[in-house]
């Protein structure tokens, strides 16, 4: 867990105004929730803004007894939907 935290801190340190906005929530079944999201930010070193309007991704939360026990992060929303057999 410490290595994940260090990696995430390193990623966030490269951005200014980085944010993730949840656009839609879908309950997939009794244990999984799909969150369609948009990421935005500006690179600190380059000043380049993430694609106009942000980049679209998705997260899948596996929940058991009210606790998240697994999280899948998708940087590409279409890939997440394809993996889950869903459409936008």
PDB file of N, CA and C in Angstrom:
ATOM      1  N   UNK A   1       0.812  -1.181   0.000  1.00  0.00           N
ATOM      2  CA  UNK A   1       0.000   0.000   0.000  1.00  0.00           C
ATOM      3  C   UNK A   1       0.863   1.255   0.000  1.00  0.00           C
ATOM      4  N   UNK A   2       2.004   1.207   0.665  1.00  0.00           N
ATOM      5  CA  UNK A   2       2.892   2.366   0.719  1.00  0.00           C
ATOM      6  C   UNK A   2       3.414   2.710  -0.673  1.00  0.00           C
ATOM      7  N   UNK A   3       3.720   1.694  -1.491  1.00  0.00           N
ATOM      8  CA  UNK A   3       4.227   1.970  -2.832  1.00  0.00           C
ATOM      9  C   UNK A   3       3.142   2.589  -3.708  1.00  0.00           C
ATOM     10  N   UNK A   4       1.884   2.163  -3.527  1.00  0.00           N
ATOM     11  CA  UNK A   4       0.785   2.774  -4.267  1.00  0.00           C
ATOM     12  C   UNK A   4       0.656   4.242  -3.889  1.00  0.00           C
ATOM     13  N   UNK A   5       0.701   4.528  -2.594  1.00  0.00           N
ATOM     14  CA  UNK A   5       0.591   5.909  -2.125  1.00  0.00           C
ATOM     15  C   UNK A   5       1.708   6.771  -2.688  1.00  0.00           C
ATOM     16  N   UNK A   6       2.925   6.267  -2.685  1.00  0.00           N
ATOM     17  CA  UNK A   6       4.059   7.025  -3.215  1.00  0.00           C
ATOM     18  C   UNK A   6       3.901   7.269  -4.714  1.00  0.00           C
ATOM     19  N   UNK A   7       3.445   6.264  -5.426  1.00  0.00           N
ATOM     20  CA  UNK A   7       3.226   6.403  -6.867  1.00  0.00           C
ATOM     21  C   UNK A   7       2.151   7.445  -7.139  1.00  0.00           C
ATOM     22  N   UNK A   8       1.061   7.396  -6.407  1.00  0.00           N
ATOM     23  CA  UNK A   8      -0.044   8.343  -6.603  1.00  0.00           C
ATOM     24  C   UNK A   8       0.389   9.761  -6.258  1.00  0.00           C
ATOM     25  N   UNK A   9       1.158   9.925  -5.178  1.00  0.00           N
ATOM     26  CA  UNK A   9       1.674  11.250  -4.830  1.00  0.00           C
ATOM     27  C   UNK A   9       2.559  11.792  -5.944  1.00  0.00           C
ATOM     28  N   UNK A  10       3.396  10.941  -6.521  1.00  0.00           N
ATOM     29  CA  UNK A  10       4.259  11.358  -7.629  1.00  0.00           C
ATOM     30  C   UNK A  10       3.454  11.797  -8.836  1.00  0.00           C
ATOM     31  N   UNK A  11       2.397  11.052  -9.145  1.00  0.00           N
ATOM     32  CA  UNK A  11       1.525  11.412 -10.265  1.00  0.00           C
ATOM     33  C   UNK A  11       0.878  12.769 -10.017  1.00  0.00           C
ATOM     34  N   UNK A  12       0.299  12.950  -8.845  1.00  0.00           N
ATOM     35  CA  UNK A  12      -0.393  14.202  -8.529  1.00  0.00           C
ATOM     36  C   UNK A  12       0.559  15.395  -8.492  1.00  0.00           C
ATOM     37  N   UNK A  13       1.792  15.166  -8.092  1.00  0.00           N
ATOM     38  CA  UNK A  13       2.767  16.256  -8.008  1.00  0.00           C
ATOM     39  C   UNK A  13       3.084  16.852  -9.374  1.00  0.00           C
ATOM     40  N   UNK A  14       2.843  16.095 -10.439  1.00  0.00           N
ATOM     41  CA  UNK A  14       3.137  16.576 -11.795  1.00  0.00           C
ATOM     42  C   UNK A  14       2.047  17.480 -12.352  1.00  0.00           C
ATOM     43  N   UNK A  15       0.935  17.601 -11.644  1.00  0.00           N
ATOM     44  CA  UNK A  15      -0.228  18.342 -12.142  1.00  0.00           C
ATOM     45  C   UNK A  15      -0.584  19.507 -11.229  1.00  0.00           C
ATOM     46  N   UNK A  16      -1.130  20.555 -11.840  1.00  0.00           N
ATOM     47  CA  UNK A  16      -1.801  21.589 -11.060  1.00  0.00           C
ATOM     48  C   UNK A  16      -3.271  21.530 -11.436  1.00  0.00           C
ATOM     49  N   UNK A  17      -4.119  21.799 -10.507  1.00  0.00           N
ATOM     50  CA  UNK A  17      -5.567  21.790 -10.739  1.00  0.00           C
ATOM     51  C   UNK A  17      -6.077  20.451 -11.254  1.00  0.00           C
ATOM     52  N   UNK A  18      -5.462  19.345 -10.822  1.00  0.00           N
ATOM     53  CA  UNK A  18      -5.935  18.017 -11.243  1.00  0.00           C
ATOM     54  C   UNK A  18      -7.223  17.695 -10.496  1.00  0.00           C
ATOM     55  N   UNK A  19      -8.231  17.241 -11.222  1.00  0.00           N
ATOM     56  CA  UNK A  19      -9.465  16.832 -10.560  1.00  0.00           C
ATOM     57  C   UNK A  19     -10.143  15.731 -11.372  1.00  0.00           C
ATOM     58  N   UNK A  20     -10.977  14.999 -10.694  1.00  0.00           N
ATOM     59  CA  UNK A  20     -11.776  13.940 -11.308  1.00  0.00           C
ATOM     60  C   UNK A  20     -13.231  14.259 -10.983  1.00  0.00           C
ATOM     61  N   UNK A  21     -14.062  14.279 -12.022  1.00  0.00           N
ATOM     62  CA  UNK A  21     -15.475  14.589 -11.857  1.00  0.00           C
ATOM     63  C   UNK A  21     -16.289  13.357 -12.242  1.00  0.00           C
ATOM     64  N   UNK A  22     -17.123  12.887 -11.336  1.00  0.00           N
ATOM     65  CA  UNK A  22     -18.020  11.761 -11.633  1.00  0.00           C
ATOM     66  C   UNK A  22     -19.172  12.273 -12.478  1.00  0.00           C
ATOM     67  N   UNK A  23     -19.369  11.664 -13.657  1.00  0.00           N
ATOM     68  CA  UNK A  23     -20.436  12.069 -14.566  1.00  0.00           C
ATOM     69  C   UNK A  23     -21.680  11.209 -14.425  1.00  0.00           C
ATOM     70  N   UNK A  24     -21.480   9.940 -14.067  1.00  0.00           N
ATOM     71  CA  UNK A  24     -22.621   9.017 -13.981  1.00  0.00           C
ATOM     72  C   UNK A  24     -22.241   7.824 -13.116  1.00  0.00           C
ATOM     73  N   UNK A  25     -23.203   7.338 -12.358  1.00  0.00           N
ATOM     74  CA  UNK A  25     -23.052   6.137 -11.534  1.00  0.00           C
ATOM     75  C   UNK A  25     -24.010   5.077 -12.066  1.00  0.00           C
ATOM     76  N   UNK A  26     -23.510   3.839 -12.203  1.00  0.00           N
ATOM     77  CA  UNK A  26     -24.374   2.729 -12.619  1.00  0.00           C
ATOM     78  C   UNK A  26     -24.135   1.549 -11.689  1.00  0.00           C
ATOM     79  N   UNK A  27     -25.203   1.068 -11.091  1.00  0.00           N
ATOM     80  CA  UNK A  27     -25.107  -0.154 -10.296  1.00  0.00           C
ATOM     81  C   UNK A  27     -25.140  -1.315 -11.279  1.00  0.00           C
ATOM     82  N   UNK A  28     -24.075  -2.099 -11.299  1.00  0.00           N
ATOM     83  CA  UNK A  28     -23.973  -3.212 -12.249  1.00  0.00           C
ATOM     84  C   UNK A  28     -24.643  -4.469 -11.719  1.00  0.00           C
ATOM     85  N   UNK A  29     -24.487  -4.713 -10.437  1.00  0.00           N
ATOM     86  CA  UNK A  29     -25.106  -5.858  -9.768  1.00  0.00           C
ATOM     87  C   UNK A  29     -25.023  -5.587  -8.271  1.00  0.00           C
ATOM     88  N   UNK A  30     -25.253  -6.595  -7.454  1.00  0.00           N
ATOM     89  CA  UNK A  30     -25.256  -6.402  -6.006  1.00  0.00           C
ATOM     90  C   UNK A  30     -23.908  -6.087  -5.399  1.00  0.00           C
ATOM     91  N   UNK A  31     -22.833  -6.199  -6.190  1.00  0.00           N
ATOM     92  CA  UNK A  31     -21.498  -5.994  -5.637  1.00  0.00           C
ATOM     93  C   UNK A  31     -20.642  -4.995  -6.410  1.00  0.00           C
ATOM     94  N   UNK A  32     -21.087  -4.535  -7.580  1.00  0.00           N
ATOM     95  CA  UNK A  32     -20.242  -3.660  -8.394  1.00  0.00           C
ATOM     96  C   UNK A  32     -20.974  -2.381  -8.810  1.00  0.00           C
ATOM     97  N   UNK A  33     -20.200  -1.288  -8.781  1.00  0.00           N
ATOM     98  CA  UNK A  33     -20.702   0.012  -9.220  1.00  0.00           C
ATOM     99  C   UNK A  33     -19.715   0.577 -10.239  1.00  0.00           C
ATOM    100  N   UNK A  34     -20.255   1.029 -11.354  1.00  0.00           N
ATOM    101  CA  UNK A  34     -19.459   1.667 -12.402  1.00  0.00           C
ATOM    102  C   UNK A  34     -19.623   3.176 -12.268  1.00  0.00           C
ATOM    103  N   UNK A  35     -18.514   3.892 -12.265  1.00  0.00           N
ATOM    104  CA  UNK A  35     -18.546   5.352 -12.234  1.00  0.00           C
ATOM    105  C   UNK A  35     -17.871   5.854 -13.504  1.00  0.00           C
ATOM    106  N   UNK A  36     -18.631   6.534 -14.354  1.00  0.00           N
ATOM    107  CA  UNK A  36     -18.079   7.173 -15.541  1.00  0.00           C
ATOM    108  C   UNK A  36     -17.581   8.543 -15.109  1.00  0.00           C
ATOM    109  N   UNK A  37     -16.366   8.906 -15.529  1.00  0.00           N
ATOM    110  CA  UNK A  37     -15.745  10.114 -15.003  1.00  0.00           C
ATOM    111  C   UNK A  37     -14.972  10.881 -16.068  1.00  0.00           C
ATOM    112  N   UNK A  38     -14.655  12.104 -15.725  1.00  0.00           N
ATOM    113  CA  UNK A  38     -13.812  12.961 -16.559  1.00  0.00           C
ATOM    114  C   UNK A  38     -12.672  13.478 -15.699  1.00  0.00           C
ATOM    115  N   UNK A  39     -11.440  13.397 -16.233  1.00  0.00           N
ATOM    116  CA  UNK A  39     -10.254  13.904 -15.537  1.00  0.00           C
ATOM    117  C   UNK A  39      -9.803  15.189 -16.217  1.00  0.00           C
ATOM    118  N   UNK A  40      -9.392  16.147 -15.402  1.00  0.00           N
ATOM    119  CA  UNK A  40      -8.878  17.418 -15.925  1.00  0.00           C
ATOM    120  C   UNK A  40      -7.633  17.814 -15.144  1.00  0.00           C
ATOM    121  N   UNK A  41      -6.764  18.568 -15.790  1.00  0.00           N
ATOM    122  CA  UNK A  41      -5.589  19.079 -15.106  1.00  0.00           C
ATOM    123  C   UNK A  41      -4.654  19.776 -16.074  1.00  0.00           C
ATOM    124  N   UNK A  42      -3.640  20.415 -15.508  1.00  0.00           N
ATOM    125  CA  UNK A  42      -2.627  21.102 -16.294  1.00  0.00           C
ATOM    126  C   UNK A  42      -1.263  20.627 -15.794  1.00  0.00           C
ATOM    127  N   UNK A  43      -0.396  20.233 -16.719  1.00  0.00           N
ATOM    128  CA  UNK A  43       0.944  19.794 -16.341  1.00  0.00           C
ATOM    129  C   UNK A  43       1.738  20.937 -15.737  1.00  0.00           C
ATOM    130  N   UNK A  44       2.344  20.712 -14.574  1.00  0.00           N
ATOM    131  CA  UNK A  44       3.108  21.774 -13.921  1.00  0.00           C
ATOM    132  C   UNK A  44       4.315  22.194 -14.745  1.00  0.00           C
ATOM    133  N   UNK A  45       5.049  21.237 -15.277  1.00  0.00           N
ATOM    134  CA  UNK A  45       6.275  21.557 -16.019  1.00  0.00           C
ATOM    135  C   UNK A  45       5.977  22.115 -17.408  1.00  0.00           C
ATOM    136  N   UNK A  46       5.007  21.548 -18.083  1.00  0.00           N
ATOM    137  CA  UNK A  46       4.736  21.938 -19.469  1.00  0.00           C
ATOM    138  C   UNK A  46       3.679  23.022 -19.604  1.00  0.00           C
ATOM    139  N   UNK A  47       2.788  23.107 -18.622  1.00  0.00           N
ATOM    140  CA  UNK A  47       1.668  24.036 -18.732  1.00  0.00           C
ATOM    141  C   UNK A  47       0.573  23.535 -19.654  1.00  0.00           C
ATOM    142  N   UNK A  48       0.757  22.346 -20.224  1.00  0.00           N
ATOM    143  CA  UNK A  48      -0.214  21.785 -21.155  1.00  0.00           C
ATOM    144  C   UNK A  48      -1.430  21.295 -20.377  1.00  0.00           C
ATOM    145  N   UNK A  49      -2.601  21.653 -20.870  1.00  0.00           N
ATOM    146  CA  UNK A  49      -3.839  21.222 -20.236  1.00  0.00           C
ATOM    147  C   UNK A  49      -4.253  19.880 -20.819  1.00  0.00           C
ATOM    148  N   UNK A  50      -4.739  18.990 -19.931  1.00  0.00           N
ATOM    149  CA  UNK A  50      -5.283  17.709 -20.412  1.00  0.00           C
ATOM    150  C   UNK A  50      -6.351  18.045 -21.438  1.00  0.00           C
ATOM    151  N   UNK A  51      -6.526  17.192 -22.395  1.00  0.00           N
ATOM    152  CA  UNK A  51      -7.428  17.439 -23.523  1.00  0.00           C
ATOM    153  C   UNK A  51      -8.558  18.390 -23.184  1.00  0.00           C
ATOM    154  N   UNK A  52      -8.921  19.218 -24.168  1.00  0.00           N
ATOM    155  CA  UNK A  52     -10.016  20.171 -23.975  1.00  0.00           C
ATOM    156  C   UNK A  52     -11.240  19.441 -23.421  1.00  0.00           C
ATOM    157  N   UNK A  53     -11.735  19.899 -22.314  1.00  0.00           N
ATOM    158  CA  UNK A  53     -12.896  19.258 -21.699  1.00  0.00           C
ATOM    159  C   UNK A  53     -12.537  18.060 -20.839  1.00  0.00           C
ATOM    160  N   UNK A  54     -11.277  17.658 -20.808  1.00  0.00           N
ATOM    161  CA  UNK A  54     -10.836  16.551 -19.972  1.00  0.00           C
ATOM    162  C   UNK A  54     -10.804  15.230 -20.719  1.00  0.00           C
ATOM    163  N   UNK A  55     -10.275  14.223 -20.055  1.00  0.00           N
ATOM    164  CA  UNK A  55     -10.225  12.882 -20.623  1.00  0.00           C
ATOM    165  C   UNK A  55     -11.255  12.013 -19.915  1.00  0.00           C
ATOM    166  N   UNK A  56     -11.867  11.111 -20.657  1.00  0.00           N
ATOM    167  CA  UNK A  56     -12.961  10.302 -20.108  1.00  0.00           C
ATOM    168  C   UNK A  56     -12.462   8.921 -19.716  1.00  0.00           C
ATOM    169  N   UNK A  57     -12.751   8.557 -18.485  1.00  0.00           N
ATOM    170  CA  UNK A  57     -12.368   7.256 -17.966  1.00  0.00           C
ATOM    171  C   UNK A  57     -13.517   6.648 -17.190  1.00  0.00           C
ATOM    172  N   UNK A  58     -13.194   5.614 -16.426  1.00  0.00           N
ATOM    173  CA  UNK A  58     -14.203   4.939 -15.616  1.00  0.00           C
ATOM    174  C   UNK A  58     -13.517   4.213 -14.465  1.00  0.00           C
ATOM    175  N   UNK A  59     -14.261   4.027 -13.393  1.00  0.00           N
ATOM    176  CA  UNK A  59     -13.814   3.220 -12.268  1.00  0.00           C
ATOM    177  C   UNK A  59     -14.897   2.192 -11.978  1.00  0.00           C
ATOM    178  N   UNK A  60     -14.465   1.001 -11.593  1.00  0.00           N
ATOM    179  CA  UNK A  60     -15.396  -0.034 -11.162  1.00  0.00           C
ATOM    180  C   UNK A  60     -15.054  -0.362  -9.715  1.00  0.00           C
ATOM    181  N   UNK A  61     -16.036  -0.176  -8.833  1.00  0.00           N
ATOM    182  CA  UNK A  61     -15.877  -0.456  -7.413  1.00  0.00           C
ATOM    183  C   UNK A  61     -16.548  -1.786  -7.103  1.00  0.00           C
ATOM    184  N   UNK A  62     -15.803  -2.719  -6.516  1.00  0.00           N
ATOM    185  CA  UNK A  62     -16.375  -3.959  -5.993  1.00  0.00           C
ATOM    186  C   UNK A  62     -16.627  -3.718  -4.505  1.00  0.00           C
ATOM    187  N   UNK A  63     -17.884  -3.864  -4.092  1.00  0.00           N
ATOM    188  CA  UNK A  63     -18.277  -3.551  -2.726  1.00  0.00           C
ATOM    189  C   UNK A  63     -18.819  -4.800  -2.046  1.00  0.00           C
ATOM    190  N   UNK A  64     -18.385  -5.021  -0.820  1.00  0.00           N
ATOM    191  CA  UNK A  64     -18.875  -6.136  -0.023  1.00  0.00           C
ATOM    192  C   UNK A  64     -19.075  -5.639   1.401  1.00  0.00           C
ATOM    193  N   UNK A  65     -20.246  -5.869   1.946  1.00  0.00           N
ATOM    194  CA  UNK A  65     -20.572  -5.428   3.303  1.00  0.00           C
ATOM    195  C   UNK A  65     -20.319  -3.935   3.497  1.00  0.00           C
ATOM    196  N   UNK A  66     -20.626  -3.148   2.468  1.00  0.00           N
ATOM    197  CA  UNK A  66     -20.495  -1.701   2.569  1.00  0.00           C
ATOM    198  C   UNK A  66     -19.082  -1.169   2.446  1.00  0.00           C
ATOM    199  N   UNK A  67     -18.117  -2.033   2.109  1.00  0.00           N
ATOM    200  CA  UNK A  67     -16.724  -1.615   1.983  1.00  0.00           C
ATOM    201  C   UNK A  67     -16.201  -1.945   0.590  1.00  0.00           C
ATOM    202  N   UNK A  68     -15.401  -1.044   0.038  1.00  0.00           N
ATOM    203  CA  UNK A  68     -14.767  -1.296  -1.260  1.00  0.00           C
ATOM    204  C   UNK A  68     -13.624  -2.267  -1.029  1.00  0.00           C
ATOM    205  N   UNK A  69     -13.681  -3.419  -1.720  1.00  0.00           N
ATOM    206  CA  UNK A  69     -12.591  -4.391  -1.566  1.00  0.00           C
ATOM    207  C   UNK A  69     -11.756  -4.522  -2.832  1.00  0.00           C
ATOM    208  N   UNK A  70     -12.177  -3.838  -3.904  1.00  0.00           N
ATOM    209  CA  UNK A  70     -11.369  -3.815  -5.130  1.00  0.00           C
ATOM    210  C   UNK A  70     -11.800  -2.611  -5.952  1.00  0.00           C
ATOM    211  N   UNK A  71     -10.825  -1.982  -6.575  1.00  0.00           N
ATOM    212  CA  UNK A  71     -11.086  -0.829  -7.425  1.00  0.00           C
ATOM    213  C   UNK A  71     -10.332  -1.004  -8.728  1.00  0.00           C
ATOM    214  N   UNK A  72     -11.058  -0.964  -9.838  1.00  0.00           N
ATOM    215  CA  UNK A  72     -10.438  -1.020 -11.158  1.00  0.00           C
ATOM    216  C   UNK A  72     -10.476   0.375 -11.749  1.00  0.00           C
ATOM    217  N   UNK A  73      -9.318   0.884 -12.145  1.00  0.00           N
ATOM    218  CA  UNK A  73      -9.213   2.213 -12.755  1.00  0.00           C
ATOM    219  C   UNK A  73      -9.020   2.053 -14.253  1.00  0.00           C
ATOM    220  N   UNK A  74      -9.863   2.675 -15.017  1.00  0.00           N
ATOM    221  CA  UNK A  74      -9.750   2.659 -16.468  1.00  0.00           C
ATOM    222  C   UNK A  74      -9.454   4.075 -16.948  1.00  0.00           C
ATOM    223  N   UNK A  75      -8.350   4.251 -17.633  1.00  0.00           N
ATOM    224  CA  UNK A  75      -8.027   5.557 -18.214  1.00  0.00           C
ATOM    225  C   UNK A  75      -8.827   5.789 -19.489  1.00  0.00           C
ATOM    226  N   UNK A  76      -9.336   4.710 -20.069  1.00  0.00           N
ATOM    227  CA  UNK A  76     -10.114   4.791 -21.302  1.00  0.00           C
ATOM    228  C   UNK A  76     -11.521   4.271 -21.042  1.00  0.00           C
ATOM    229  N   UNK A  77     -12.508   5.150 -21.135  1.00  0.00           N
ATOM    230  CA  UNK A  77     -13.898   4.785 -20.846  1.00  0.00           C
ATOM    231  C   UNK A  77     -14.402   3.695 -21.782  1.00  0.00           C
ATOM    232  N   UNK A  78     -14.076   3.786 -23.069  1.00  0.00           N
ATOM    233  CA  UNK A  78     -14.545   2.789 -24.027  1.00  0.00           C
ATOM    234  C   UNK A  78     -14.040   1.394 -23.684  1.00  0.00           C
ATOM    235  N   UNK A  79     -12.825   1.305 -23.190  1.00  0.00           N
ATOM    236  CA  UNK A  79     -12.264   0.008 -22.782  1.00  0.00           C
ATOM    237  C   UNK A  79     -13.041  -0.572 -21.607  1.00  0.00           C
ATOM    238  N   UNK A  80     -13.367   0.281 -20.639  1.00  0.00           N
ATOM    239  CA  UNK A  80     -14.153  -0.178 -19.482  1.00  0.00           C
ATOM    240  C   UNK A  80     -15.507  -0.713 -19.923  1.00  0.00           C
ATOM    241  N   UNK A  81     -16.174   0.044 -20.768  1.00  0.00           N
ATOM    242  CA  UNK A  81     -17.495  -0.376 -21.241  1.00  0.00           C
ATOM    243  C   UNK A  81     -17.402  -1.678 -22.028  1.00  0.00           C
ATOM    244  N   UNK A  82     -16.378  -1.804 -22.865  1.00  0.00           N
ATOM    245  CA  UNK A  82     -16.189  -3.041 -23.630  1.00  0.00           C
ATOM    246  C   UNK A  82     -15.912  -4.227 -22.707  1.00  0.00           C
ATOM    247  N   UNK A  83     -15.055  -4.041 -21.715  1.00  0.00           N
ATOM    248  CA  UNK A  83     -14.737  -5.120 -20.762  1.00  0.00           C
ATOM    249  C   UNK A  83     -15.994  -5.577 -20.018  1.00  0.00           C
ATOM    250  N   UNK A  84     -16.898  -4.649 -19.768  1.00  0.00           N
ATOM    251  CA  UNK A  84     -18.118  -4.959 -19.017  1.00  0.00           C
ATOM    252  C   UNK A  84     -19.289  -5.349 -19.913  1.00  0.00           C
ATOM    253  N   UNK A  85     -19.087  -5.309 -21.238  1.00  0.00           N
ATOM    254  CA  UNK A  85     -20.149  -5.649 -22.173  1.00  0.00           C
ATOM    255  C   UNK A  85     -21.261  -4.614 -22.196  1.00  0.00           C
ATOM    256  N   UNK A  86     -20.891  -3.345 -21.982  1.00  0.00           N
ATOM    257  CA  UNK A  86     -21.869  -2.256 -21.921  1.00  0.00           C
ATOM    258  C   UNK A  86     -21.633  -1.244 -23.037  1.00  0.00           C
ATOM    259  N   UNK A  87     -22.579  -0.352 -23.205  1.00  0.00           N
ATOM    260  CA  UNK A  87     -22.444   0.755 -24.141  1.00  0.00           C
ATOM    261  C   UNK A  87     -22.653   2.055 -23.389  1.00  0.00           C
ATOM    262  N   UNK A  88     -22.163   3.143 -23.947  1.00  0.00           N
ATOM    263  CA  UNK A  88     -22.326   4.464 -23.313  1.00  0.00           C
ATOM    264  C   UNK A  88     -23.766   4.883 -23.321  1.00  0.00           C
TER     265      UNK A  88
END
